[in-house]
């Protein structure tokens, strides 16, 4: 993960600021998704030796957000809030505490009560 430049490399594809849905259509991850709904990359993906479930969000066919859910440890719906602590620990290894602004956007570690989901989010400037 290259947070300084907003680049996340997954398998042979690099997601970065300005990444377009057209670029995604030419990637190995494209499975006839429409670019309007959330795109979940199939299976668990490794980044920097950790396992993640990855979701992509496009706005006007340009990447808006990447959501990373670390699944190195098992959490039940009752313990999902604990995953945020894991995410906070991962980000601290990159010298990011909860949220950090960059020229390309920002990185956050969030727990959403409504969906009972913790994630690391890269939110790109539009």
Protein backbone atom coordinates (compact mmCIF):
# COMPACT_ATOMS: atom_id res chain seq x y z
CA UNK A 1 0.00 0.00 0.00
CA UNK A 2 1.43 3.34 -1.04
CA UNK A 3 -0.66 5.78 0.98
CA UNK A 4 1.59 8.74 0.14
CA UNK A 5 0.44 8.48 -3.48
CA UNK A 6 -2.95 6.80 -2.97
CA UNK A 7 -1.95 3.60 -4.76
CA UNK A 8 -3.20 0.15 -3.82
CA UNK A 9 -1.70 -2.72 -5.78
CA UNK A 10 -3.84 -5.86 -5.99
CA UNK A 11 -2.47 -8.77 -7.98
CA UNK A 12 -1.28 -7.11 -11.22
CA UNK A 13 -3.56 -4.06 -11.03
CA UNK A 14 -2.76 -0.72 -9.40
CA UNK A 15 -5.71 1.38 -8.23
CA UNK A 16 -4.78 5.04 -7.93
CA UNK A 17 -6.18 8.57 -8.09
CA UNK A 18 -7.94 9.07 -11.42
CA UNK A 19 -8.40 5.34 -12.02
CA UNK A 20 -11.36 5.05 -14.36
CA UNK A 21 -14.07 2.48 -14.78
CA UNK A 22 -12.83 2.07 -18.36
CA UNK A 23 -9.44 1.01 -16.96
CA UNK A 24 -11.25 -1.41 -14.65
CA UNK A 25 -13.13 -2.89 -17.63
CA UNK A 26 -9.75 -3.93 -19.07
CA UNK A 27 -8.54 -5.53 -15.83
CA UNK A 28 -8.73 -9.17 -14.82
CA UNK A 29 -11.22 -8.16 -12.09
CA UNK A 30 -13.91 -7.08 -14.54
CA UNK A 31 -16.89 -9.46 -14.48
CA UNK A 32 -19.54 -7.38 -16.31
CA UNK A 33 -20.01 -4.96 -13.39
CA UNK A 34 -21.74 -1.71 -14.28
CA UNK A 35 -19.63 0.90 -12.46
CA UNK A 36 -22.64 2.34 -10.68
CA UNK A 37 -23.01 -0.10 -7.78
CA UNK A 38 -20.32 -1.15 -5.32
CA UNK A 39 -17.85 -3.52 -6.96
CA UNK A 40 -16.57 -6.31 -4.74
CA UNK A 41 -13.37 -7.91 -5.98
CA UNK A 42 -13.84 -11.65 -6.08
CA UNK A 43 -12.20 -13.59 -3.26
CA UNK A 44 -9.75 -12.51 -0.60
CA UNK A 45 -6.79 -10.49 -1.89
CA UNK A 46 -3.33 -10.11 -0.40
CA UNK A 47 -1.77 -6.70 0.09
CA UNK A 48 1.53 -6.35 1.93
CA UNK A 49 1.16 -9.85 3.40
CA UNK A 50 -2.35 -9.28 4.79
CA UNK A 51 -5.67 -10.64 3.55
CA UNK A 52 -8.39 -8.19 2.55
CA UNK A 53 -11.87 -8.09 1.13
CA UNK A 54 -11.80 -5.18 -1.31
CA UNK A 55 -14.62 -3.00 -2.61
CA UNK A 56 -14.41 -0.27 -5.22
CA UNK A 57 -16.73 2.72 -5.51
CA UNK A 58 -16.88 4.80 -8.68
CA UNK A 59 -18.49 8.22 -9.07
CA UNK A 60 -19.02 9.45 -12.63
CA UNK A 61 -16.88 6.47 -13.70
CA UNK A 62 -13.79 7.64 -11.76
CA UNK A 63 -12.65 5.86 -8.59
CA UNK A 64 -14.07 7.59 -5.54
CA UNK A 65 -13.25 5.14 -2.75
CA UNK A 66 -11.53 1.84 -2.02
CA UNK A 67 -12.72 -0.06 1.03
CA UNK A 68 -10.42 -2.63 2.62
CA UNK A 69 -11.62 -5.12 5.22
CA UNK A 70 -8.81 -7.12 6.80
CA UNK A 71 -9.79 -10.73 7.31
CA UNK A 72 -6.61 -12.03 8.92
CA UNK A 73 -8.68 -12.66 12.04
CA UNK A 74 -12.25 -13.91 12.41
CA UNK A 75 -14.83 -11.58 13.89
CA UNK A 76 -18.48 -12.36 14.56
CA UNK A 77 -21.25 -9.78 14.18
CA UNK A 78 -20.99 -9.28 17.95
CA UNK A 79 -17.24 -8.57 17.82
CA UNK A 80 -17.02 -6.62 14.53
CA UNK A 81 -16.03 -3.46 16.42
CA UNK A 82 -12.80 -5.27 17.33
CA UNK A 83 -11.86 -5.31 13.63
CA UNK A 84 -11.56 -1.53 13.76
CA UNK A 85 -8.79 -1.95 16.33
CA UNK A 86 -7.02 -4.28 13.87
CA UNK A 87 -7.44 -1.68 11.11
CA UNK A 88 -6.15 1.07 13.40
CA UNK A 89 -3.09 -1.08 14.14
CA UNK A 90 -2.47 -1.70 10.43
CA UNK A 91 -2.67 2.01 9.68
CA UNK A 92 -0.38 2.88 12.59
CA UNK A 93 2.29 0.75 10.89
CA UNK A 94 2.06 3.27 8.04
CA UNK A 95 2.10 6.20 10.52
CA UNK A 96 -1.59 6.92 10.04
CA UNK A 97 -3.71 7.51 13.11
CA UNK A 98 -7.46 7.12 12.38
CA UNK A 99 -7.50 9.64 9.52
CA UNK A 100 -4.86 11.33 7.43
CA UNK A 101 -5.14 13.82 4.59
CA UNK A 102 -2.98 13.58 1.47
CA UNK A 103 -2.80 15.58 -1.75
CA UNK A 104 -4.92 12.89 -3.48
CA UNK A 105 -7.55 12.45 -0.73
CA UNK A 106 -7.60 10.82 2.70
CA UNK A 107 -7.34 7.49 4.54
CA UNK A 108 -9.73 6.61 7.35
CA UNK A 109 -10.41 3.72 9.68
CA UNK A 110 -14.13 3.53 10.37
CA UNK A 111 -16.75 1.47 12.10
CA UNK A 112 -20.28 1.96 10.75
CA UNK A 113 -22.98 1.16 13.33
CA UNK A 114 -25.72 0.89 10.72
CA UNK A 115 -24.01 -1.82 8.67
CA UNK A 116 -21.95 -3.23 11.60
CA UNK A 117 -18.86 -3.06 9.40
CA UNK A 118 -15.30 -1.88 9.97
CA UNK A 119 -13.10 -0.83 7.08
CA UNK A 120 -10.03 1.08 5.98
CA UNK A 121 -11.15 3.57 3.36
CA UNK A 122 -9.15 5.46 0.77
CA UNK A 123 -11.34 8.37 -0.31
CA UNK A 124 -10.14 10.13 -3.43
CA UNK A 125 -10.58 13.81 -4.26
CA UNK A 126 -12.94 14.30 -7.18
